[in-house]
Structure formats: structure tokens, C-alpha cells
Amino acid sequence: MSDFFYLDVSLNFDNKTDVQVDDICFKNYINSAIRDLHGDFGLGVNVDLLKYEEDKRRGIIRCPARDYVKIRGALTFCGKLDGKFCRFLVHQSSGLLLSLQANSRTFIHC
């Protein structure tokens, strides 16, 4: 089993498509979601932002496998950041980074 889990995550704001979020803010928002659900204890979880697309507010994060449930729960229950209503959407998650590259549901077989 892998030591890490990888999540493909996007951040959506209610009725606002013009909100600009850079990579530093994106990671801070993830940490805020973890802190909101798990308190200061949750900040001990190491989350790495591996890739980020600013125009889509979408990124790939890595977390220890033992903390995957905590991270996933925090992202699911997050509803407000900096006074703005928002939600994190987890598109895919896997124990292998390579499996996020290809999606069997959208793959076109020749």
C-alpha cells in the first residue's frame, strides 16, 4: 500500500466565477478547512500541493495515507472561507499519482 494519497480537488465559490485564487491561497484554504473541522490538531497533517491550475482553481494535493479520511472529511464539510460561501469538489483520489492522469470513464478505446 502507498504511503500517500493523491486528491484532484477544485474550489468553487457560489455565484462567483471571477474570484482569483493563487496557489498559496489555495493551500491556505485547504489548511483552513482542516483547521475548521479538526482544530489545531488538524494542522499537524502534512498536505502538499503538487500541481495547481489558477484559471480552474483546481489542484492535485498529496497527504499521508493515514490522514486521508481527515483531509477528505475536512474538504467535504467546508462551506465557508474568508466569509465567502464555497465548496471543495474532489474529482478523483488514489493511492497512486499516475492513476489520476488517466480516467477509465472518459478513455476512448481505439
PDB file of N, CA and C in Angstrom:
ATOM      1  N   MET A   1       0.837  -1.185   0.000  1.00  0.00           N
ATOM      2  CA  MET A   1       0.000   0.000   0.000  1.00  0.00           C
ATOM      3  C   MET A   1       0.879   1.244   0.000  1.00  0.00           C
ATOM      4  N   SER A   2       0.413   2.273  -0.627  1.00  0.00           N
ATOM      5  CA  SER A   2       1.160   3.520  -0.750  1.00  0.00           C
ATOM      6  C   SER A   2       1.167   4.290   0.568  1.00  0.00           C
ATOM      7  N   ASP A   3       2.235   5.042   0.784  1.00  0.00           N
ATOM      8  CA  ASP A   3       2.338   5.874   1.985  1.00  0.00           C
ATOM      9  C   ASP A   3       1.541   7.159   1.853  1.00  0.00           C
ATOM     10  N   PHE A   4       1.190   7.509   0.621  1.00  0.00           N
ATOM     11  CA  PHE A   4       0.493   8.769   0.367  1.00  0.00           C
ATOM     12  C   PHE A   4      -0.793   8.535  -0.413  1.00  0.00           C
ATOM     13  N   PHE A   5      -1.685   9.505  -0.313  1.00  0.00           N
ATOM     14  CA  PHE A   5      -2.884   9.549  -1.133  1.00  0.00           C
ATOM     15  C   PHE A   5      -2.856  10.843  -1.916  1.00  0.00           C
ATOM     16  N   TYR A   6      -3.374  10.805  -3.124  1.00  0.00           N
ATOM     17  CA  TYR A   6      -3.400  11.963  -4.006  1.00  0.00           C
ATOM     18  C   TYR A   6      -4.850  12.307  -4.307  1.00  0.00           C
ATOM     19  N   LEU A   7      -5.175  13.586  -4.245  1.00  0.00           N
ATOM     20  CA  LEU A   7      -6.542  14.034  -4.488  1.00  0.00           C
ATOM     21  C   LEU A   7      -6.537  15.127  -5.545  1.00  0.00           C
ATOM     22  N   ASP A   8      -7.422  15.005  -6.505  1.00  0.00           N
ATOM     23  CA  ASP A   8      -7.657  16.027  -7.525  1.00  0.00           C
ATOM     24  C   ASP A   8      -8.833  16.861  -7.031  1.00  0.00           C
ATOM     25  N   VAL A   9      -8.550  18.108  -6.639  1.00  0.00           N
ATOM     26  CA  VAL A   9      -9.519  18.934  -5.920  1.00  0.00           C
ATOM     27  C   VAL A   9      -9.714  20.267  -6.629  1.00  0.00           C
ATOM     28  N   SER A  10     -10.961  20.739  -6.679  1.00  0.00           N
ATOM     29  CA  SER A  10     -11.226  22.092  -7.176  1.00  0.00           C
ATOM     30  C   SER A  10     -12.009  22.862  -6.117  1.00  0.00           C
ATOM     31  N   LEU A  11     -11.894  24.179  -6.186  1.00  0.00           N
ATOM     32  CA  LEU A  11     -12.563  25.075  -5.246  1.00  0.00           C
ATOM     33  C   LEU A  11     -13.568  25.908  -6.020  1.00  0.00           C
ATOM     34  N   ASN A  12     -14.834  25.840  -5.613  1.00  0.00           N
ATOM     35  CA  ASN A  12     -15.900  26.578  -6.286  1.00  0.00           C
ATOM     36  C   ASN A  12     -16.549  27.544  -5.312  1.00  0.00           C
ATOM     37  N   PHE A  13     -16.751  28.771  -5.762  1.00  0.00           N
ATOM     38  CA  PHE A  13     -17.440  29.772  -4.962  1.00  0.00           C
ATOM     39  C   PHE A  13     -18.849  29.942  -5.498  1.00  0.00           C
ATOM     40  N   ASP A  14     -19.827  30.107  -4.607  1.00  0.00           N
ATOM     41  CA  ASP A  14     -21.219  30.265  -5.010  1.00  0.00           C
ATOM     42  C   ASP A  14     -21.411  31.560  -5.785  1.00  0.00           C
ATOM     43  N   ASN A  15     -21.925  31.445  -6.995  1.00  0.00           N
ATOM     44  CA  ASN A  15     -22.294  32.583  -7.845  1.00  0.00           C
ATOM     45  C   ASN A  15     -21.144  33.537  -8.132  1.00  0.00           C
ATOM     46  N   LYS A  16     -19.922  33.087  -7.998  1.00  0.00           N
ATOM     47  CA  LYS A  16     -18.783  33.959  -8.286  1.00  0.00           C
ATOM     48  C   LYS A  16     -17.770  33.182  -9.110  1.00  0.00           C
ATOM     49  N   THR A  17     -17.627  33.574 -10.348  1.00  0.00           N
ATOM     50  CA  THR A  17     -16.639  32.919 -11.190  1.00  0.00           C
ATOM     51  C   THR A  17     -15.394  33.769 -11.352  1.00  0.00           C
ATOM     52  N   ASP A  18     -15.427  35.004 -10.870  1.00  0.00           N
ATOM     53  CA  ASP A  18     -14.300  35.908 -11.064  1.00  0.00           C
ATOM     54  C   ASP A  18     -13.346  35.950  -9.871  1.00  0.00           C
ATOM     55  N   VAL A  19     -13.506  35.079  -8.900  1.00  0.00           N
ATOM     56  CA  VAL A  19     -12.631  35.065  -7.731  1.00  0.00           C
ATOM     57  C   VAL A  19     -11.288  34.462  -8.132  1.00  0.00           C
ATOM     58  N   GLN A  20     -10.218  35.219  -7.920  1.00  0.00           N
ATOM     59  CA  GLN A  20      -8.878  34.746  -8.247  1.00  0.00           C
ATOM     60  C   GLN A  20      -8.245  34.123  -7.008  1.00  0.00           C
ATOM     61  N   VAL A  21      -7.756  32.915  -7.154  1.00  0.00           N
ATOM     62  CA  VAL A  21      -7.105  32.200  -6.060  1.00  0.00           C
ATOM     63  C   VAL A  21      -5.775  31.675  -6.586  1.00  0.00           C
ATOM     64  N   ASP A  22      -4.675  32.170  -6.017  1.00  0.00           N
ATOM     65  CA  ASP A  22      -3.371  31.662  -6.440  1.00  0.00           C
ATOM     66  C   ASP A  22      -3.029  30.398  -5.653  1.00  0.00           C
ATOM     67  N   ASP A  23      -1.882  29.813  -5.947  1.00  0.00           N
ATOM     68  CA  ASP A  23      -1.525  28.538  -5.327  1.00  0.00           C
ATOM     69  C   ASP A  23      -1.341  28.642  -3.816  1.00  0.00           C
ATOM     70  N   ILE A  24      -0.816  29.758  -3.340  1.00  0.00           N
ATOM     71  CA  ILE A  24      -0.626  29.930  -1.900  1.00  0.00           C
ATOM     72  C   ILE A  24      -1.975  30.020  -1.192  1.00  0.00           C
ATOM     73  N   CYS A  25      -2.900  30.790  -1.754  1.00  0.00           N
ATOM     74  CA  CYS A  25      -4.243  30.902  -1.167  1.00  0.00           C
ATOM     75  C   CYS A  25      -4.969  29.564  -1.202  1.00  0.00           C
ATOM     76  N   PHE A  26      -4.815  28.825  -2.287  1.00  0.00           N
ATOM     77  CA  PHE A  26      -5.471  27.523  -2.415  1.00  0.00           C
ATOM     78  C   PHE A  26      -5.030  26.591  -1.285  1.00  0.00           C
ATOM     79  N   LYS A  27      -3.722  26.524  -1.051  1.00  0.00           N
ATOM     80  CA  LYS A  27      -3.226  25.667   0.028  1.00  0.00           C
ATOM     81  C   LYS A  27      -3.674  26.197   1.389  1.00  0.00           C
ATOM     82  N   ASN A  28      -3.685  27.512   1.559  1.00  0.00           N
ATOM     83  CA  ASN A  28      -4.163  28.082   2.822  1.00  0.00           C
ATOM     84  C   ASN A  28      -5.637  27.772   3.055  1.00  0.00           C
ATOM     85  N   TYR A  29      -6.439  27.788   1.987  1.00  0.00           N
ATOM     86  CA  TYR A  29      -7.855  27.444   2.113  1.00  0.00           C
ATOM     87  C   TYR A  29      -8.023  25.979   2.529  1.00  0.00           C
ATOM     88  N   ILE A  30      -7.188  25.103   1.990  1.00  0.00           N
ATOM     89  CA  ILE A  30      -7.240  23.694   2.384  1.00  0.00           C
ATOM     90  C   ILE A  30      -6.887  23.553   3.862  1.00  0.00           C
ATOM     91  N   ASN A  31      -5.826  24.241   4.285  1.00  0.00           N
ATOM     92  CA  ASN A  31      -5.438  24.189   5.700  1.00  0.00           C
ATOM     93  C   ASN A  31      -6.520  24.780   6.597  1.00  0.00           C
ATOM     94  N   SER A  32      -7.195  25.824   6.131  1.00  0.00           N
ATOM     95  CA  SER A  32      -8.291  26.415   6.907  1.00  0.00           C
ATOM     96  C   SER A  32      -9.443  25.435   7.061  1.00  0.00           C
ATOM     97  N   ALA A  33      -9.748  24.705   5.994  1.00  0.00           N
ATOM     98  CA  ALA A  33     -10.821  23.708   6.058  1.00  0.00           C
ATOM     99  C   ALA A  33     -10.474  22.608   7.061  1.00  0.00           C
ATOM    100  N   ILE A  34      -9.214  22.199   7.073  1.00  0.00           N
ATOM    101  CA  ILE A  34      -8.777  21.169   8.024  1.00  0.00           C
ATOM    102  C   ILE A  34      -8.865  21.699   9.453  1.00  0.00           C
ATOM    103  N   ARG A  35      -8.414  22.937   9.656  1.00  0.00           N
ATOM    104  CA  ARG A  35      -8.448  23.533  10.998  1.00  0.00           C
ATOM    105  C   ARG A  35      -9.883  23.729  11.479  1.00  0.00           C
ATOM    106  N   ASP A  36     -10.779  24.117  10.575  1.00  0.00           N
ATOM    107  CA  ASP A  36     -12.175  24.324  10.964  1.00  0.00           C
ATOM    108  C   ASP A  36     -12.824  23.041  11.470  1.00  0.00           C
ATOM    109  N   LEU A  37     -12.488  21.911  10.870  1.00  0.00           N
ATOM    110  CA  LEU A  37     -13.108  20.650  11.277  1.00  0.00           C
ATOM    111  C   LEU A  37     -12.371  19.976  12.429  1.00  0.00           C
ATOM    112  N   HIS A  38     -11.043  19.987  12.385  1.00  0.00           N
ATOM    113  CA  HIS A  38     -10.258  19.223  13.353  1.00  0.00           C
ATOM    114  C   HIS A  38      -9.527  20.090  14.379  1.00  0.00           C
ATOM    115  N   GLY A  39      -9.672  21.394  14.311  1.00  0.00           N
ATOM    116  CA  GLY A  39      -8.998  22.273  15.258  1.00  0.00           C
ATOM    117  C   GLY A  39      -7.499  22.339  15.000  1.00  0.00           C
ATOM    118  N   ASP A  40      -6.771  22.806  15.994  1.00  0.00           N
ATOM    119  CA  ASP A  40      -5.321  22.928  15.841  1.00  0.00           C
ATOM    120  C   ASP A  40      -4.648  21.574  15.667  1.00  0.00           C
ATOM    121  N   PHE A  41      -5.270  20.520  16.166  1.00  0.00           N
ATOM    122  CA  PHE A  41      -4.736  19.171  15.979  1.00  0.00           C
ATOM    123  C   PHE A  41      -4.645  18.829  14.487  1.00  0.00           C
ATOM    124  N   GLY A  42      -5.594  19.301  13.705  1.00  0.00           N
ATOM    125  CA  GLY A  42      -5.610  19.018  12.277  1.00  0.00           C
ATOM    126  C   GLY A  42      -4.482  19.668  11.511  1.00  0.00           C
ATOM    127  N   LEU A  43      -3.904  20.730  12.056  1.00  0.00           N
ATOM    128  CA  LEU A  43      -2.813  21.404  11.362  1.00  0.00           C
ATOM    129  C   LEU A  43      -1.526  20.592  11.377  1.00  0.00           C
ATOM    130  N   GLY A  44      -1.491  19.517  12.161  1.00  0.00           N
ATOM    131  CA  GLY A  44      -0.335  18.632  12.157  1.00  0.00           C
ATOM    132  C   GLY A  44      -0.287  17.733  10.933  1.00  0.00           C
ATOM    133  N   VAL A  45      -1.341  17.727  10.157  1.00  0.00           N
ATOM    134  CA  VAL A  45      -1.405  16.913   8.940  1.00  0.00           C
ATOM    135  C   VAL A  45      -0.638  17.625   7.832  1.00  0.00           C
ATOM    136  N   ASN A  46       0.267  16.901   7.200  1.00  0.00           N
ATOM    137  CA  ASN A  46       1.082  17.475   6.132  1.00  0.00           C
ATOM    138  C   ASN A  46       0.360  17.321   4.793  1.00  0.00           C
ATOM    139  N   VAL A  47       0.040  18.442   4.161  1.00  0.00           N
ATOM    140  CA  VAL A  47      -0.615  18.448   2.853  1.00  0.00           C
ATOM    141  C   VAL A  47       0.288  19.188   1.879  1.00  0.00           C
ATOM    142  N   ASP A  48       0.611  18.551   0.765  1.00  0.00           N
ATOM    143  CA  ASP A  48       1.465  19.161  -0.254  1.00  0.00           C
ATOM    144  C   ASP A  48       0.641  19.446  -1.498  1.00  0.00           C
ATOM    145  N   LEU A  49       0.809  20.628  -2.051  1.00  0.00           N
ATOM    146  CA  LEU A  49       0.165  20.987  -3.314  1.00  0.00           C
ATOM    147  C   LEU A  49       1.157  20.693  -4.427  1.00  0.00           C
ATOM    148  N   LEU A  50       0.860  19.683  -5.245  1.00  0.00           N
ATOM    149  CA  LEU A  50       1.786  19.249  -6.282  1.00  0.00           C
ATOM    150  C   LEU A  50       1.596  19.997  -7.590  1.00  0.00           C
ATOM    151  N   LYS A  51       0.357  20.301  -7.924  1.00  0.00           N
ATOM    152  CA  LYS A  51       0.049  20.968  -9.194  1.00  0.00           C
ATOM    153  C   LYS A  51      -1.161  21.850  -8.967  1.00  0.00           C
ATOM    154  N   TYR A  52      -1.170  23.015  -9.610  1.00  0.00           N
ATOM    155  CA  TYR A  52      -2.310  23.916  -9.446  1.00  0.00           C
ATOM    156  C   TYR A  52      -2.571  24.666 -10.746  1.00  0.00           C
ATOM    157  N   GLU A  53      -3.842  24.710 -11.150  1.00  0.00           N
ATOM    158  CA  GLU A  53      -4.282  25.473 -12.318  1.00  0.00           C
ATOM    159  C   GLU A  53      -5.120  26.641 -11.816  1.00  0.00           C
ATOM    160  N   GLU A  54      -4.546  27.839 -11.881  1.00  0.00           N
ATOM    161  CA  GLU A  54      -5.199  29.010 -11.296  1.00  0.00           C
ATOM    162  C   GLU A  54      -6.502  29.363 -11.999  1.00  0.00           C
ATOM    163  N   ASP A  55      -6.562  29.208 -13.320  1.00  0.00           N
ATOM    164  CA  ASP A  55      -7.773  29.578 -14.050  1.00  0.00           C
ATOM    165  C   ASP A  55      -8.958  28.675 -13.708  1.00  0.00           C
ATOM    166  N   LYS A  56      -8.690  27.429 -13.336  1.00  0.00           N
ATOM    167  CA  LYS A  56      -9.762  26.494 -12.968  1.00  0.00           C
ATOM    168  C   LYS A  56      -9.916  26.338 -11.458  1.00  0.00           C
ATOM    169  N   ARG A  57      -9.001  26.932 -10.695  1.00  0.00           N
ATOM    170  CA  ARG A  57      -8.951  26.754  -9.232  1.00  0.00           C
ATOM    171  C   ARG A  57      -8.977  25.261  -8.886  1.00  0.00           C
ATOM    172  N   ARG A  58      -8.091  24.531  -9.549  1.00  0.00           N
ATOM    173  CA  ARG A  58      -8.043  23.075  -9.403  1.00  0.00           C
ATOM    174  C   ARG A  58      -6.599  22.639  -9.190  1.00  0.00           C
ATOM    175  N   GLY A  59      -6.409  21.704  -8.270  1.00  0.00           N
ATOM    176  CA  GLY A  59      -5.059  21.254  -7.986  1.00  0.00           C
ATOM    177  C   GLY A  59      -5.013  19.811  -7.537  1.00  0.00           C
ATOM    178  N   ILE A  60      -3.804  19.286  -7.516  1.00  0.00           N
ATOM    179  CA  ILE A  60      -3.564  17.939  -7.021  1.00  0.00           C
ATOM    180  C   ILE A  60      -2.793  18.069  -5.718  1.00  0.00           C
ATOM    181  N   ILE A  61      -3.343  17.475  -4.665  1.00  0.00           N
ATOM    182  CA  ILE A  61      -2.690  17.521  -3.364  1.00  0.00           C
ATOM    183  C   ILE A  61      -2.281  16.119  -2.942  1.00  0.00           C
ATOM    184  N   ARG A  62      -1.246  16.072  -2.105  1.00  0.00           N
ATOM    185  CA  ARG A  62      -0.755  14.805  -1.571  1.00  0.00           C
ATOM    186  C   ARG A  62      -0.837  14.868  -0.053  1.00  0.00           C
ATOM    187  N   CYS A  63      -1.313  13.796   0.543  1.00  0.00           N
ATOM    188  CA  CYS A  63      -1.382  13.720   2.003  1.00  0.00           C
ATOM    189  C   CYS A  63      -0.983  12.314   2.434  1.00  0.00           C
ATOM    190  N   PRO A  64      -0.527  12.164   3.675  1.00  0.00           N
ATOM    191  CA  PRO A  64      -0.218  10.818   4.167  1.00  0.00           C
ATOM    192  C   PRO A  64      -1.472   9.941   4.144  1.00  0.00           C
ATOM    193  N   ALA A  65      -1.295   8.685   3.805  1.00  0.00           N
ATOM    194  CA  ALA A  65      -2.437   7.766   3.695  1.00  0.00           C
ATOM    195  C   ALA A  65      -3.198   7.653   5.013  1.00  0.00           C
ATOM    196  N   ARG A  66      -2.496   7.737   6.130  1.00  0.00           N
ATOM    197  CA  ARG A  66      -3.163   7.610   7.435  1.00  0.00           C
ATOM    198  C   ARG A  66      -4.075   8.798   7.726  1.00  0.00           C
ATOM    199  N   ASP A  67      -3.860   9.930   7.038  1.00  0.00           N
ATOM    200  CA  ASP A  67      -4.657  11.137   7.261  1.00  0.00           C
ATOM    201  C   ASP A  67      -5.658  11.408   6.146  1.00  0.00           C
ATOM    202  N   TYR A  68      -5.788  10.481   5.203  1.00  0.00           N
ATOM    203  CA  TYR A  68      -6.664  10.692   4.050  1.00  0.00           C
ATOM    204  C   TYR A  68      -8.110  10.969   4.460  1.00  0.00           C
ATOM    205  N   VAL A  69      -8.632  10.206   5.400  1.00  0.00           N
ATOM    206  CA  VAL A  69     -10.028  10.364   5.814  1.00  0.00           C
ATOM    207  C   VAL A  69     -10.238  11.734   6.457  1.00  0.00           C
ATOM    208  N   LYS A  70      -9.280  12.194   7.235  1.00  0.00           N
ATOM    209  CA  LYS A  70      -9.378  13.519   7.859  1.00  0.00           C
ATOM    210  C   LYS A  70      -9.419  14.617   6.802  1.00  0.00           C
ATOM    211  N   ILE A  71      -8.541  14.505   5.819  1.00  0.00           N
ATOM    212  CA  ILE A  71      -8.478  15.519   4.755  1.00  0.00           C
ATOM    213  C   ILE A  71      -9.758  15.498   3.933  1.00  0.00           C
ATOM    214  N   ARG A  72     -10.185  14.326   3.539  1.00  0.00           N
ATOM    215  CA  ARG A  72     -11.389  14.201   2.711  1.00  0.00           C
ATOM    216  C   ARG A  72     -12.611  14.732   3.455  1.00  0.00           C
ATOM    217  N   GLY A  73     -12.713  14.425   4.726  1.00  0.00           N
ATOM    218  CA  GLY A  73     -13.821  14.929   5.533  1.00  0.00           C
ATOM    219  C   GLY A  73     -13.793  16.436   5.662  1.00  0.00           C
ATOM    220  N   ALA A  74     -12.615  16.996   5.886  1.00  0.00           N
ATOM    221  CA  ALA A  74     -12.495  18.451   6.026  1.00  0.00           C
ATOM    222  C   ALA A  74     -12.875  19.162   4.736  1.00  0.00           C
ATOM    223  N   LEU A  75     -12.461  18.613   3.601  1.00  0.00           N
ATOM    224  CA  LEU A  75     -12.804  19.230   2.317  1.00  0.00           C
ATOM    225  C   LEU A  75     -14.297  19.105   2.033  1.00  0.00           C
ATOM    226  N   THR A  76     -14.891  18.001   2.432  1.00  0.00           N
ATOM    227  CA  THR A  76     -16.316  17.782   2.198  1.00  0.00           C
ATOM    228  C   THR A  76     -17.182  18.708   3.031  1.00  0.00           C
ATOM    229  N   PHE A  77     -16.814  18.917   4.284  1.00  0.00           N
ATOM    230  CA  PHE A  77     -17.641  19.716   5.187  1.00  0.00           C
ATOM    231  C   PHE A  77     -17.370  21.208   5.120  1.00  0.00           C
ATOM    232  N   CYS A  78     -16.379  21.619   4.370  1.00  0.00           N
ATOM    233  CA  CYS A  78     -16.077  23.046   4.265  1.00  0.00           C
ATOM    234  C   CYS A  78     -17.179  23.750   3.478  1.00  0.00           C
ATOM    235  N   GLY A  79     -17.704  24.843   4.022  1.00  0.00           N
ATOM    236  CA  GLY A  79     -18.766  25.572   3.343  1.00  0.00           C
ATOM    237  C   GLY A  79     -18.540  27.063   3.261  1.00  0.00           C
ATOM    238  N   LYS A  80     -17.546  27.558   4.005  1.00  0.00           N
ATOM    239  CA  LYS A  80     -17.315  28.994   4.028  1.00  0.00           C
ATOM    240  C   LYS A  80     -15.842  29.261   4.318  1.00  0.00           C
ATOM    241  N   LEU A  81     -15.233  30.117   3.499  1.00  0.00           N
ATOM    242  CA  LEU A  81     -13.847  30.521   3.689  1.00  0.00           C
ATOM    243  C   LEU A  81     -13.748  32.029   3.530  1.00  0.00           C
ATOM    244  N   ASP A  82     -13.122  32.685   4.476  1.00  0.00           N
ATOM    245  CA  ASP A  82     -12.962  34.150   4.445  1.00  0.00           C
ATOM    246  C   ASP A  82     -14.287  34.867   4.224  1.00  0.00           C
ATOM    247  N   GLY A  83     -15.356  34.341   4.792  1.00  0.00           N
ATOM    248  CA  GLY A  83     -16.663  34.973   4.671  1.00  0.00           C
ATOM    249  C   GLY A  83     -17.368  34.716   3.354  1.00  0.00           C
ATOM    250  N   LYS A  84     -16.797  33.870   2.494  1.00  0.00           N
ATOM    251  CA  LYS A  84     -17.405  33.556   1.196  1.00  0.00           C
ATOM    252  C   LYS A  84     -17.886  32.108   1.213  1.00  0.00           C
ATOM    253  N   PHE A  85     -19.097  31.903   0.720  1.00  0.00           N
ATOM    254  CA  PHE A  85     -19.615  30.544   0.616  1.00  0.00           C
ATOM    255  C   PHE A  85     -18.902  29.826  -0.521  1.00  0.00           C
ATOM    256  N   CYS A  86     -18.431  28.633  -0.239  1.00  0.00           N
ATOM    257  CA  CYS A  86     -17.676  27.878  -1.238  1.00  0.00           C
ATOM    258  C   CYS A  86     -17.785  26.392  -0.934  1.00  0.00           C
ATOM    259  N   ARG A  87     -17.217  25.605  -1.822  1.00  0.00           N
ATOM    260  CA  ARG A  87     -17.149  24.166  -1.590  1.00  0.00           C
ATOM    261  C   ARG A  87     -15.955  23.601  -2.341  1.00  0.00           C
ATOM    262  N   PHE A  88     -15.363  22.599  -1.748  1.00  0.00           N
ATOM    263  CA  PHE A  88     -14.313  21.842  -2.417  1.00  0.00           C
ATOM    264  C   PHE A  88     -14.965  20.649  -3.093  1.00  0.00           C
ATOM    265  N   LEU A  89     -14.555  20.383  -4.307  1.00  0.00           N
ATOM    266  CA  LEU A  89     -15.044  19.223  -5.045  1.00  0.00           C
ATOM    267  C   LEU A  89     -13.858  18.301  -5.305  1.00  0.00           C
ATOM    268  N   VAL A  90     -13.939  17.084  -4.800  1.00  0.00           N
ATOM    269  CA  VAL A  90     -12.885  16.099  -5.031  1.00  0.00           C
ATOM    270  C   VAL A  90     -13.270  15.313  -6.276  1.00  0.00           C
ATOM    271  N   HIS A  91     -12.527  15.524  -7.356  1.00  0.00           N
ATOM    272  CA  HIS A  91     -12.830  14.866  -8.626  1.00  0.00           C
ATOM    273  C   HIS A  91     -12.368  13.411  -8.619  1.00  0.00           C
ATOM    274  N   GLN A  92     -11.154  13.185  -8.120  1.00  0.00           N
ATOM    275  CA  GLN A  92     -10.595  11.839  -8.062  1.00  0.00           C
ATOM    276  C   GLN A  92      -9.674  11.747  -6.857  1.00  0.00           C
ATOM    277  N   SER A  93      -9.485  10.540  -6.386  1.00  0.00           N
ATOM    278  CA  SER A  93      -8.479  10.297  -5.354  1.00  0.00           C
ATOM    279  C   SER A  93      -7.914   8.905  -5.571  1.00  0.00           C
ATOM    280  N   SER A  94      -6.635   8.760  -5.238  1.00  0.00           N
ATOM    281  CA  SER A  94      -5.983   7.484  -5.468  1.00  0.00           C
ATOM    282  C   SER A  94      -4.719   7.391  -4.630  1.00  0.00           C
ATOM    283  N   GLY A  95      -4.279   6.176  -4.421  1.00  0.00           N
ATOM    284  CA  GLY A  95      -3.011   5.942  -3.755  1.00  0.00           C
ATOM    285  C   GLY A  95      -1.834   6.057  -4.696  1.00  0.00           C
ATOM    286  N   LEU A  96      -2.110   6.170  -5.995  1.00  0.00           N
ATOM    287  CA  LEU A  96      -1.055   6.298  -6.999  1.00  0.00           C
ATOM    288  C   LEU A  96      -1.280   7.559  -7.820  1.00  0.00           C
ATOM    289  N   LEU A  97      -0.257   8.370  -7.924  1.00  0.00           N
ATOM    290  CA  LEU A  97      -0.366   9.625  -8.668  1.00  0.00           C
ATOM    291  C   LEU A  97      -0.655   9.373 -10.142  1.00  0.00           C
ATOM    292  N   LEU A  98      -0.054   8.349 -10.699  1.00  0.00           N
ATOM    293  CA  LEU A  98      -0.235   8.049 -12.117  1.00  0.00           C
ATOM    294  C   LEU A  98      -1.689   7.752 -12.473  1.00  0.00           C
ATOM    295  N   SER A  99      -2.438   7.188 -11.555  1.00  0.00           N
ATOM    296  CA  SER A  99      -3.832   6.846 -11.854  1.00  0.00           C
ATOM    297  C   SER A  99      -4.721   8.082 -11.982  1.00  0.00           C
ATOM    298  N   LEU A 100      -4.274   9.237 -11.492  1.00  0.00           N
ATOM    299  CA  LEU A 100      -5.041  10.465 -11.692  1.00  0.00           C
ATOM    300  C   LEU A 100      -4.883  10.998 -13.112  1.00  0.00           C
ATOM    301  N   GLN A 101      -3.835  10.546 -13.793  1.00  0.00           N
ATOM    302  CA  GLN A 101      -3.571  11.014 -15.152  1.00  0.00           C
ATOM    303  C   GLN A 101      -4.612  10.496 -16.141  1.00  0.00           C
ATOM    304  N   ALA A 102      -5.006   9.253 -15.990  1.00  0.00           N
ATOM    305  CA  ALA A 102      -5.948   8.638 -16.924  1.00  0.00           C
ATOM    306  C   ALA A 102      -7.250   8.325 -16.197  1.00  0.00           C
ATOM    307  N   ASN A 103      -8.348   8.567 -16.877  1.00  0.00           N
ATOM    308  CA  ASN A 103      -9.658   8.293 -16.309  1.00  0.00           C
ATOM    309  C   ASN A 103     -10.325   7.233 -17.170  1.00  0.00           C
ATOM    310  N   SER A 104     -10.603   6.086 -16.599  1.00  0.00           N
ATOM    311  CA  SER A 104     -11.175   4.988 -17.369  1.00  0.00           C
ATOM    312  C   SER A 104     -12.590   5.291 -17.848  1.00  0.00           C
ATOM    313  N   ARG A 105     -13.263   6.233 -17.207  1.00  0.00           N
ATOM    314  CA  ARG A 105     -14.632   6.565 -17.615  1.00  0.00           C
ATOM    315  C   ARG A 105     -14.669   7.409 -18.883  1.00  0.00           C
ATOM    316  N   THR A 106     -13.616   8.167 -19.123  1.00  0.00           N
ATOM    317  CA  THR A 106     -13.599   9.036 -20.302  1.00  0.00           C
ATOM    318  C   THR A 106     -12.595   8.567 -21.351  1.00  0.00           C
ATOM    319  N   PHE A 107     -11.935   7.449 -21.116  1.00  0.00           N
ATOM    320  CA  PHE A 107     -10.933   6.952 -22.049  1.00  0.00           C
ATOM    321  C   PHE A 107     -11.605   6.461 -23.322  1.00  0.00           C
ATOM    322  N   ILE A 108     -11.075   6.854 -24.469  1.00  0.00           N
ATOM    323  CA  ILE A 108     -11.619   6.434 -25.763  1.00  0.00           C
ATOM    324  C   ILE A 108     -10.769   5.281 -26.284  1.00  0.00           C
ATOM    325  N   HIS A 109     -11.383   4.113 -26.397  1.00  0.00           N
ATOM    326  CA  HIS A 109     -10.675   2.935 -26.876  1.00  0.00           C
ATOM    327  C   HIS A 109     -10.673   2.940 -28.396  1.00  0.00           C
ATOM    328  N   CYS A 110      -9.537   2.629 -28.963  1.00  0.00           N
ATOM    329  CA  CYS A 110      -9.413   2.605 -30.428  1.00  0.00           C
ATOM    330  C   CYS A 110      -9.798   1.270 -30.990  1.00  0.00           C
TER     331      CYS A 110
END
